[in-house]
Amino acid sequence: MHSIKAVIIDDDPSAVIYLRSILQRRGYVVQSYENAADSPLHKSSGCPCSMRETGCPDIIISDYNMPVVDGVELLESHKKNGCRCRHLALISGQGIAEVNLNKMAKYGTRYFTKPIHLNDFYDWLNRIEHEIFESHSGSQDPHPIKTVTLSGGEMDATPC
């Protein structure tokens, strides 16, 4: 069975801990970076998946409002580098400019606001997991990539 691989990119340690715990409880293998500029997902001039022993992540979780590179810039860089992201999501405690919402829609990005509504987030993860397991059981594309972006500050884990 395929282990789901996730990358978390966030400059807020509490958000990383929170998301890591959610994903690890679901059996995901998780890596994290303090900002997008340091991640191989941004630094590469091509898709970094072929250069890493672990291969492509299935889910990428990145802060929207970070120093140096924000979440939308990361998505743009990722697409420009030829990565095959099919499911993306941004989570932010702050509003996102209309132009960035349009870019997110262009990339098929799901947007969550803080405090995150866990039922919606779990529903999104369930759909992704179903698609990942379906694709690994016979699809031609063995590397679906998912992205979530978080904004700084603490997350409220109160379910809706």
N, C-alpha and C. Protein backbone atom coordinates (compact mmCIF):
# COMPACT_ATOMS: atom_id res chain seq x y z
N MET A 1 0.85 -1.19 0.00
CA MET A 1 0.00 0.00 0.00
C MET A 1 0.89 1.24 0.00
N HIS A 2 0.46 2.26 -0.68
CA HIS A 2 1.19 3.52 -0.82
C HIS A 2 1.04 4.36 0.44
N SER A 3 2.17 4.82 1.03
CA SER A 3 2.12 5.77 2.14
C SER A 3 1.99 7.16 1.54
N ILE A 4 1.07 7.94 2.06
CA ILE A 4 0.88 9.29 1.56
C ILE A 4 1.97 10.17 2.13
N LYS A 5 2.64 10.91 1.23
CA LYS A 5 3.73 11.79 1.62
C LYS A 5 3.24 13.23 1.60
N ALA A 6 3.53 13.96 2.66
CA ALA A 6 3.12 15.35 2.77
C ALA A 6 4.32 16.23 3.08
N VAL A 7 4.30 17.43 2.52
CA VAL A 7 5.30 18.45 2.83
C VAL A 7 4.55 19.63 3.44
N ILE A 8 5.02 20.13 4.57
CA ILE A 8 4.45 21.30 5.22
C ILE A 8 5.48 22.42 5.12
N ILE A 9 5.05 23.58 4.62
CA ILE A 9 5.91 24.76 4.54
C ILE A 9 5.19 25.87 5.29
N ASP A 10 5.72 26.24 6.45
CA ASP A 10 5.08 27.27 7.27
C ASP A 10 6.08 27.87 8.22
N ASP A 11 6.03 29.18 8.37
CA ASP A 11 6.94 29.86 9.29
C ASP A 11 6.40 29.90 10.71
N ASP A 12 5.22 29.35 10.94
CA ASP A 12 4.61 29.29 12.27
C ASP A 12 4.73 27.86 12.82
N PRO A 13 5.63 27.65 13.80
CA PRO A 13 5.83 26.29 14.32
C PRO A 13 4.55 25.65 14.87
N SER A 14 3.65 26.44 15.46
CA SER A 14 2.43 25.85 16.01
C SER A 14 1.53 25.30 14.89
N ALA A 15 1.50 25.96 13.75
CA ALA A 15 0.70 25.46 12.63
C ALA A 15 1.32 24.18 12.07
N VAL A 16 2.65 24.13 12.02
CA VAL A 16 3.32 22.93 11.53
C VAL A 16 3.01 21.76 12.46
N ILE A 17 3.11 21.98 13.76
CA ILE A 17 2.83 20.92 14.74
C ILE A 17 1.39 20.44 14.61
N TYR A 18 0.48 21.39 14.49
CA TYR A 18 -0.94 21.07 14.38
C TYR A 18 -1.22 20.22 13.13
N LEU A 19 -0.75 20.68 11.99
CA LEU A 19 -0.99 19.95 10.74
C LEU A 19 -0.26 18.61 10.71
N ARG A 20 0.98 18.62 11.21
CA ARG A 20 1.74 17.37 11.26
C ARG A 20 0.97 16.33 12.07
N SER A 21 0.41 16.73 13.20
CA SER A 21 -0.31 15.77 14.03
C SER A 21 -1.55 15.22 13.33
N ILE A 22 -2.28 16.08 12.62
CA ILE A 22 -3.45 15.63 11.86
C ILE A 22 -3.04 14.61 10.81
N LEU A 23 -2.01 14.96 10.05
CA LEU A 23 -1.59 14.10 8.95
C LEU A 23 -0.94 12.80 9.43
N GLN A 24 -0.13 12.88 10.47
CA GLN A 24 0.51 11.66 10.98
C GLN A 24 -0.51 10.70 11.59
N ARG A 25 -1.55 11.24 12.23
CA ARG A 25 -2.61 10.37 12.75
C ARG A 25 -3.30 9.62 11.62
N ARG A 26 -3.28 10.19 10.42
CA ARG A 26 -3.87 9.54 9.26
C ARG A 26 -2.87 8.66 8.53
N GLY A 27 -1.65 8.53 9.08
CA GLY A 27 -0.65 7.64 8.50
C GLY A 27 0.25 8.26 7.46
N TYR A 28 0.26 9.58 7.33
CA TYR A 28 1.10 10.26 6.35
C TYR A 28 2.55 10.32 6.81
N VAL A 29 3.46 10.34 5.85
CA VAL A 29 4.87 10.62 6.10
C VAL A 29 5.02 12.11 5.84
N VAL A 30 5.53 12.88 6.82
CA VAL A 30 5.52 14.34 6.74
C VAL A 30 6.94 14.92 6.82
N GLN A 31 7.24 15.87 5.92
CA GLN A 31 8.45 16.68 5.97
C GLN A 31 8.01 18.13 6.13
N SER A 32 8.89 18.99 6.70
CA SER A 32 8.51 20.40 6.84
C SER A 32 9.68 21.32 6.55
N TYR A 33 9.34 22.55 6.15
CA TYR A 33 10.31 23.62 5.87
C TYR A 33 9.77 24.89 6.49
N GLU A 34 10.68 25.78 6.93
CA GLU A 34 10.25 27.02 7.57
C GLU A 34 9.76 28.06 6.59
N ASN A 35 10.20 28.00 5.34
CA ASN A 35 9.64 28.90 4.33
C ASN A 35 9.80 28.29 2.95
N ALA A 36 9.00 28.76 2.03
CA ALA A 36 8.96 28.19 0.68
C ALA A 36 10.28 28.33 -0.04
N ALA A 37 11.00 29.42 0.20
CA ALA A 37 12.26 29.65 -0.50
C ALA A 37 13.30 28.58 -0.17
N ASP A 38 13.19 27.93 0.99
CA ASP A 38 14.13 26.89 1.39
C ASP A 38 13.72 25.50 0.91
N SER A 39 12.51 25.36 0.43
CA SER A 39 12.03 24.03 0.05
C SER A 39 12.49 23.66 -1.34
N PRO A 40 12.71 22.37 -1.59
CA PRO A 40 13.10 21.94 -2.93
C PRO A 40 11.99 22.19 -3.94
N LEU A 41 10.78 22.39 -3.46
CA LEU A 41 9.66 22.66 -4.36
C LEU A 41 9.79 24.02 -5.03
N HIS A 42 10.52 24.93 -4.41
CA HIS A 42 10.70 26.28 -4.97
C HIS A 42 12.08 26.46 -5.57
N LYS A 43 13.10 25.86 -4.97
CA LYS A 43 14.49 26.11 -5.37
C LYS A 43 14.86 25.46 -6.69
N SER A 44 14.18 24.42 -7.09
CA SER A 44 14.58 23.67 -8.28
C SER A 44 14.24 24.41 -9.56
N SER A 45 15.02 24.16 -10.60
CA SER A 45 14.73 24.72 -11.91
C SER A 45 13.86 23.76 -12.71
N GLY A 46 13.59 22.61 -12.19
CA GLY A 46 12.70 21.63 -12.79
C GLY A 46 11.94 20.95 -11.68
N CYS A 47 11.10 20.00 -12.02
CA CYS A 47 10.35 19.29 -10.99
C CYS A 47 11.34 18.56 -10.07
N PRO A 48 11.35 18.87 -8.77
CA PRO A 48 12.34 18.28 -7.86
C PRO A 48 12.07 16.83 -7.52
N CYS A 49 10.93 16.32 -7.90
CA CYS A 49 10.57 14.96 -7.48
C CYS A 49 11.56 13.92 -7.98
N SER A 50 12.05 14.09 -9.20
CA SER A 50 12.97 13.10 -9.75
C SER A 50 14.35 13.18 -9.09
N MET A 51 14.61 14.29 -8.38
CA MET A 51 15.92 14.47 -7.76
C MET A 51 15.94 14.00 -6.31
N ARG A 52 14.78 13.63 -5.77
CA ARG A 52 14.71 13.25 -4.36
C ARG A 52 14.48 11.76 -4.24
N GLU A 53 15.14 11.16 -3.27
CA GLU A 53 14.98 9.74 -3.02
C GLU A 53 13.54 9.37 -2.73
N THR A 54 12.85 10.24 -2.04
CA THR A 54 11.49 9.93 -1.61
C THR A 54 10.45 10.15 -2.69
N GLY A 55 10.81 10.75 -3.80
CA GLY A 55 9.84 11.00 -4.87
C GLY A 55 8.91 12.15 -4.54
N CYS A 56 7.89 12.27 -5.34
CA CYS A 56 6.94 13.38 -5.20
C CYS A 56 6.10 13.25 -3.94
N PRO A 57 5.83 14.38 -3.30
CA PRO A 57 4.85 14.33 -2.22
C PRO A 57 3.46 14.22 -2.81
N ASP A 58 2.55 13.66 -2.05
CA ASP A 58 1.15 13.59 -2.46
C ASP A 58 0.41 14.86 -2.04
N ILE A 59 0.84 15.44 -0.94
CA ILE A 59 0.20 16.64 -0.40
C ILE A 59 1.28 17.63 -0.02
N ILE A 60 1.09 18.89 -0.41
CA ILE A 60 2.01 19.96 -0.02
C ILE A 60 1.20 20.96 0.79
N ILE A 61 1.69 21.27 1.97
CA ILE A 61 1.01 22.21 2.85
C ILE A 61 1.95 23.40 3.04
N SER A 62 1.51 24.57 2.59
CA SER A 62 2.39 25.74 2.65
C SER A 62 1.65 26.96 3.17
N ASP A 63 2.32 27.72 3.98
CA ASP A 63 1.78 28.98 4.50
C ASP A 63 1.49 29.94 3.34
N TYR A 64 0.39 30.67 3.40
CA TYR A 64 0.09 31.67 2.38
C TYR A 64 0.94 32.92 2.56
N ASN A 65 0.98 33.42 3.79
CA ASN A 65 1.63 34.70 4.07
C ASN A 65 2.97 34.45 4.77
N MET A 66 4.02 34.29 3.95
CA MET A 66 5.36 34.03 4.50
C MET A 66 6.34 35.06 3.95
N PRO A 67 7.45 35.22 4.66
CA PRO A 67 8.50 36.09 4.11
C PRO A 67 9.12 35.44 2.87
N VAL A 68 9.63 36.23 2.00
CA VAL A 68 10.35 35.84 0.79
C VAL A 68 9.41 35.33 -0.30
N VAL A 69 8.71 34.22 -0.09
CA VAL A 69 7.83 33.62 -1.09
C VAL A 69 6.49 33.30 -0.43
N ASP A 70 5.39 33.84 -0.98
CA ASP A 70 4.08 33.50 -0.41
C ASP A 70 3.54 32.24 -1.09
N GLY A 71 2.40 31.77 -0.61
CA GLY A 71 1.82 30.54 -1.12
C GLY A 71 1.51 30.55 -2.60
N VAL A 72 0.97 31.66 -3.10
CA VAL A 72 0.63 31.74 -4.52
C VAL A 72 1.90 31.74 -5.37
N GLU A 73 2.93 32.45 -4.90
CA GLU A 73 4.21 32.44 -5.63
C GLU A 73 4.80 31.03 -5.67
N LEU A 74 4.64 30.29 -4.57
CA LEU A 74 5.10 28.91 -4.54
C LEU A 74 4.36 28.08 -5.59
N LEU A 75 3.04 28.25 -5.67
CA LEU A 75 2.25 27.51 -6.66
C LEU A 75 2.70 27.84 -8.07
N GLU A 76 2.92 29.12 -8.33
CA GLU A 76 3.37 29.54 -9.66
C GLU A 76 4.72 28.93 -9.99
N SER A 77 5.65 28.97 -9.05
CA SER A 77 6.98 28.40 -9.24
C SER A 77 6.87 26.90 -9.49
N HIS A 78 6.03 26.26 -8.72
CA HIS A 78 5.82 24.82 -8.82
C HIS A 78 5.32 24.45 -10.21
N LYS A 79 4.33 25.18 -10.70
CA LYS A 79 3.78 24.92 -12.03
C LYS A 79 4.81 25.20 -13.11
N LYS A 80 5.53 26.31 -12.97
CA LYS A 80 6.56 26.69 -13.94
C LYS A 80 7.64 25.63 -14.03
N ASN A 81 7.95 24.99 -12.91
CA ASN A 81 8.99 23.96 -12.87
C ASN A 81 8.51 22.62 -13.41
N GLY A 82 7.26 22.55 -13.85
CA GLY A 82 6.76 21.34 -14.48
C GLY A 82 6.16 20.31 -13.55
N CYS A 83 5.95 20.66 -12.30
CA CYS A 83 5.34 19.72 -11.37
C CYS A 83 3.87 19.49 -11.75
N ARG A 84 3.40 18.31 -11.47
CA ARG A 84 2.06 17.92 -11.88
C ARG A 84 1.05 18.01 -10.74
N CYS A 85 0.95 19.16 -10.14
CA CYS A 85 -0.02 19.36 -9.05
C CYS A 85 -1.43 19.28 -9.62
N ARG A 86 -2.27 18.46 -9.00
CA ARG A 86 -3.65 18.38 -9.44
C ARG A 86 -4.62 18.90 -8.39
N HIS A 87 -4.23 18.82 -7.12
CA HIS A 87 -5.10 19.27 -6.04
C HIS A 87 -4.30 20.16 -5.12
N LEU A 88 -4.72 21.37 -4.96
CA LEU A 88 -4.01 22.35 -4.15
C LEU A 88 -5.00 23.00 -3.19
N ALA A 89 -4.49 23.45 -2.05
CA ALA A 89 -5.34 24.19 -1.12
C ALA A 89 -4.50 25.21 -0.38
N LEU A 90 -5.08 26.36 -0.11
CA LEU A 90 -4.45 27.41 0.69
C LEU A 90 -5.30 27.63 1.92
N ILE A 91 -4.63 27.81 3.06
CA ILE A 91 -5.33 28.13 4.30
C ILE A 91 -4.74 29.42 4.82
N SER A 92 -5.59 30.39 5.12
CA SER A 92 -5.09 31.68 5.57
C SER A 92 -6.01 32.30 6.61
N GLY A 93 -5.42 32.94 7.56
CA GLY A 93 -6.19 33.68 8.56
C GLY A 93 -6.46 35.10 8.11
N GLN A 94 -5.85 35.49 7.01
CA GLN A 94 -6.02 36.83 6.46
C GLN A 94 -6.73 36.72 5.11
N GLY A 95 -7.30 37.81 4.68
CA GLY A 95 -7.92 37.82 3.37
C GLY A 95 -6.88 37.65 2.28
N ILE A 96 -7.32 37.14 1.16
CA ILE A 96 -6.44 36.96 0.01
C ILE A 96 -6.97 37.84 -1.11
N ALA A 97 -6.07 38.62 -1.72
CA ALA A 97 -6.46 39.54 -2.78
C ALA A 97 -7.15 38.80 -3.91
N GLU A 98 -8.09 39.50 -4.56
CA GLU A 98 -8.86 38.90 -5.66
C GLU A 98 -7.95 38.33 -6.75
N VAL A 99 -6.88 39.02 -7.07
CA VAL A 99 -5.97 38.53 -8.11
C VAL A 99 -5.38 37.19 -7.72
N ASN A 100 -5.06 37.01 -6.45
CA ASN A 100 -4.52 35.73 -5.99
C ASN A 100 -5.60 34.65 -5.95
N LEU A 101 -6.83 35.03 -5.62
CA LEU A 101 -7.93 34.06 -5.66
C LEU A 101 -8.12 33.56 -7.09
N ASN A 102 -7.98 34.45 -8.07
CA ASN A 102 -8.09 34.05 -9.47
C ASN A 102 -6.97 33.09 -9.86
N LYS A 103 -5.75 33.38 -9.40
CA LYS A 103 -4.62 32.48 -9.68
C LYS A 103 -4.85 31.12 -9.02
N MET A 104 -5.36 31.13 -7.80
CA MET A 104 -5.64 29.88 -7.10
C MET A 104 -6.65 29.05 -7.88
N ALA A 105 -7.69 29.70 -8.39
CA ALA A 105 -8.71 29.00 -9.18
C ALA A 105 -8.08 28.41 -10.44
N LYS A 106 -7.19 29.15 -11.06
CA LYS A 106 -6.50 28.69 -12.27
C LYS A 106 -5.73 27.39 -12.01
N TYR A 107 -5.15 27.26 -10.82
CA TYR A 107 -4.37 26.08 -10.46
C TYR A 107 -5.22 25.01 -9.77
N GLY A 108 -6.52 25.21 -9.67
CA GLY A 108 -7.38 24.24 -9.01
C GLY A 108 -7.19 24.20 -7.51
N THR A 109 -6.89 25.35 -6.93
CA THR A 109 -6.55 25.43 -5.51
C THR A 109 -7.79 25.53 -4.63
N ARG A 110 -7.82 24.74 -3.58
CA ARG A 110 -8.86 24.83 -2.56
C ARG A 110 -8.39 25.83 -1.51
N TYR A 111 -9.26 26.71 -1.08
CA TYR A 111 -8.92 27.74 -0.10
C TYR A 111 -9.70 27.52 1.18
N PHE A 112 -8.99 27.44 2.30
CA PHE A 112 -9.60 27.34 3.62
C PHE A 112 -9.23 28.58 4.41
N THR A 113 -10.16 29.06 5.24
CA THR A 113 -9.87 30.18 6.12
C THR A 113 -9.66 29.66 7.54
N LYS A 114 -8.97 30.46 8.33
CA LYS A 114 -8.79 30.16 9.76
C LYS A 114 -9.84 30.95 10.53
N PRO A 115 -10.33 30.40 11.60
CA PRO A 115 -10.03 29.06 12.09
C PRO A 115 -10.53 28.01 11.09
N ILE A 116 -9.73 27.00 10.90
CA ILE A 116 -10.06 25.96 9.93
C ILE A 116 -11.24 25.15 10.45
N HIS A 117 -12.16 24.87 9.56
CA HIS A 117 -13.30 24.01 9.90
C HIS A 117 -12.87 22.58 9.62
N LEU A 118 -12.64 21.84 10.68
CA LEU A 118 -12.07 20.51 10.54
C LEU A 118 -12.91 19.58 9.67
N ASN A 119 -14.23 19.69 9.75
CA ASN A 119 -15.07 18.82 8.92
C ASN A 119 -14.77 19.04 7.44
N ASP A 120 -14.65 20.30 7.02
CA ASP A 120 -14.32 20.61 5.63
C ASP A 120 -12.93 20.12 5.27
N PHE A 121 -11.97 20.32 6.17
CA PHE A 121 -10.60 19.89 5.91
C PHE A 121 -10.53 18.37 5.80
N TYR A 122 -11.20 17.65 6.72
CA TYR A 122 -11.20 16.19 6.66
C TYR A 122 -11.90 15.69 5.41
N ASP A 123 -12.99 16.33 5.01
CA ASP A 123 -13.67 15.95 3.76
C ASP A 123 -12.72 16.10 2.57
N TRP A 124 -11.97 17.20 2.55
CA TRP A 124 -10.99 17.43 1.48
C TRP A 124 -9.92 16.35 1.49
N LEU A 125 -9.37 16.03 2.68
CA LEU A 125 -8.37 14.97 2.77
C LEU A 125 -8.93 13.63 2.33
N ASN A 126 -10.17 13.33 2.71
CA ASN A 126 -10.79 12.06 2.31
C ASN A 126 -10.87 11.94 0.79
N ARG A 127 -11.28 13.02 0.12
CA ARG A 127 -11.36 13.01 -1.35
C ARG A 127 -9.97 12.81 -1.96
N ILE A 128 -8.98 13.52 -1.42
CA ILE A 128 -7.62 13.38 -1.92
C ILE A 128 -7.11 11.95 -1.72
N GLU A 129 -7.31 11.41 -0.54
CA GLU A 129 -6.84 10.06 -0.26
C GLU A 129 -7.46 9.06 -1.22
N HIS A 130 -8.75 9.20 -1.47
CA HIS A 130 -9.44 8.32 -2.41
C HIS A 130 -8.80 8.42 -3.79
N GLU A 131 -8.54 9.64 -4.25
CA GLU A 131 -7.93 9.85 -5.57
C GLU A 131 -6.51 9.30 -5.62
N ILE A 132 -5.74 9.48 -4.55
CA ILE A 132 -4.36 8.97 -4.52
C ILE A 132 -4.37 7.45 -4.62
N PHE A 133 -5.19 6.80 -3.81
CA PHE A 133 -5.21 5.34 -3.82
C PHE A 133 -5.75 4.81 -5.14
N GLU A 134 -6.71 5.50 -5.74
CA GLU A 134 -7.21 5.12 -7.06
C GLU A 134 -6.11 5.26 -8.10
N SER A 135 -5.37 6.37 -8.06
CA SER A 135 -4.33 6.60 -9.06
C SER A 135 -3.18 5.61 -8.91
N HIS A 136 -2.86 5.20 -7.69
CA HIS A 136 -1.76 4.26 -7.48
C HIS A 136 -2.18 2.82 -7.77
N SER A 137 -3.46 2.60 -7.92
CA SER A 137 -3.90 1.24 -8.21
C SER A 137 -4.13 1.01 -9.70
N GLY A 138 -3.72 1.99 -10.55
CA GLY A 138 -3.86 1.72 -11.97
C GLY A 138 -3.75 2.93 -12.86
N SER A 139 -3.61 4.11 -12.34
CA SER A 139 -3.50 5.30 -13.17
C SER A 139 -2.13 5.39 -13.80
N GLN A 140 -2.05 6.14 -14.89
CA GLN A 140 -0.78 6.38 -15.56
C GLN A 140 0.06 7.40 -14.81
N ASP A 141 -0.53 8.22 -13.96
CA ASP A 141 0.20 9.26 -13.24
C ASP A 141 0.44 8.82 -11.79
N PRO A 142 1.64 8.34 -11.46
CA PRO A 142 1.89 7.84 -10.11
C PRO A 142 2.22 8.91 -9.09
N HIS A 143 2.20 10.21 -9.47
CA HIS A 143 2.63 11.26 -8.55
C HIS A 143 1.64 12.40 -8.43
N PRO A 144 0.41 12.14 -7.97
CA PRO A 144 -0.47 13.28 -7.74
C PRO A 144 0.09 14.12 -6.60
N ILE A 145 0.04 15.44 -6.72
CA ILE A 145 0.59 16.32 -5.70
C ILE A 145 -0.54 17.20 -5.17
N LYS A 146 -0.62 17.36 -3.89
CA LYS A 146 -1.65 18.15 -3.24
C LYS A 146 -0.99 19.27 -2.46
N THR A 147 -1.62 20.43 -2.42
CA THR A 147 -1.03 21.55 -1.72
C THR A 147 -2.05 22.22 -0.81
N VAL A 148 -1.60 22.56 0.38
CA VAL A 148 -2.37 23.34 1.33
C VAL A 148 -1.47 24.48 1.75
N THR A 149 -1.99 25.69 1.91
CA THR A 149 -1.17 26.80 2.34
C THR A 149 -1.76 27.41 3.59
N LEU A 150 -0.92 27.73 4.55
CA LEU A 150 -1.34 28.29 5.83
C LEU A 150 -0.80 29.68 6.01
N SER A 151 -1.52 30.49 6.76
CA SER A 151 -1.03 31.82 7.12
C SER A 151 -0.49 31.76 8.54
N GLY A 152 0.40 32.68 8.91
CA GLY A 152 0.97 32.70 10.25
C GLY A 152 -0.08 32.85 11.32
N GLY A 153 0.28 32.57 12.54
CA GLY A 153 -0.66 32.65 13.66
C GLY A 153 -1.11 31.27 14.06
N GLU A 154 -1.73 31.17 15.21
CA GLU A 154 -2.18 29.88 15.70
C GLU A 154 -3.49 29.49 15.04
N MET A 155 -3.67 28.18 14.89
CA MET A 155 -4.91 27.67 14.31
C MET A 155 -5.86 27.32 15.43
N ASP A 156 -7.10 27.61 15.22
CA ASP A 156 -8.13 27.20 16.15
C ASP A 156 -8.69 25.88 15.66
N ALA A 157 -8.54 24.84 16.46
CA ALA A 157 -8.95 23.49 16.04
C ALA A 157 -10.39 23.19 16.39
N THR A 158 -11.19 24.19 16.73
CA THR A 158 -12.56 23.98 17.09
C THR A 158 -13.35 23.49 15.88
N PRO A 159 -13.95 22.29 15.95
CA PRO A 159 -14.74 21.82 14.83
C PRO A 159 -15.99 22.67 14.66
N CYS A 160 -16.47 22.74 13.41
CA CYS A 160 -17.67 23.54 13.18
C CYS A 160 -18.92 22.78 13.55
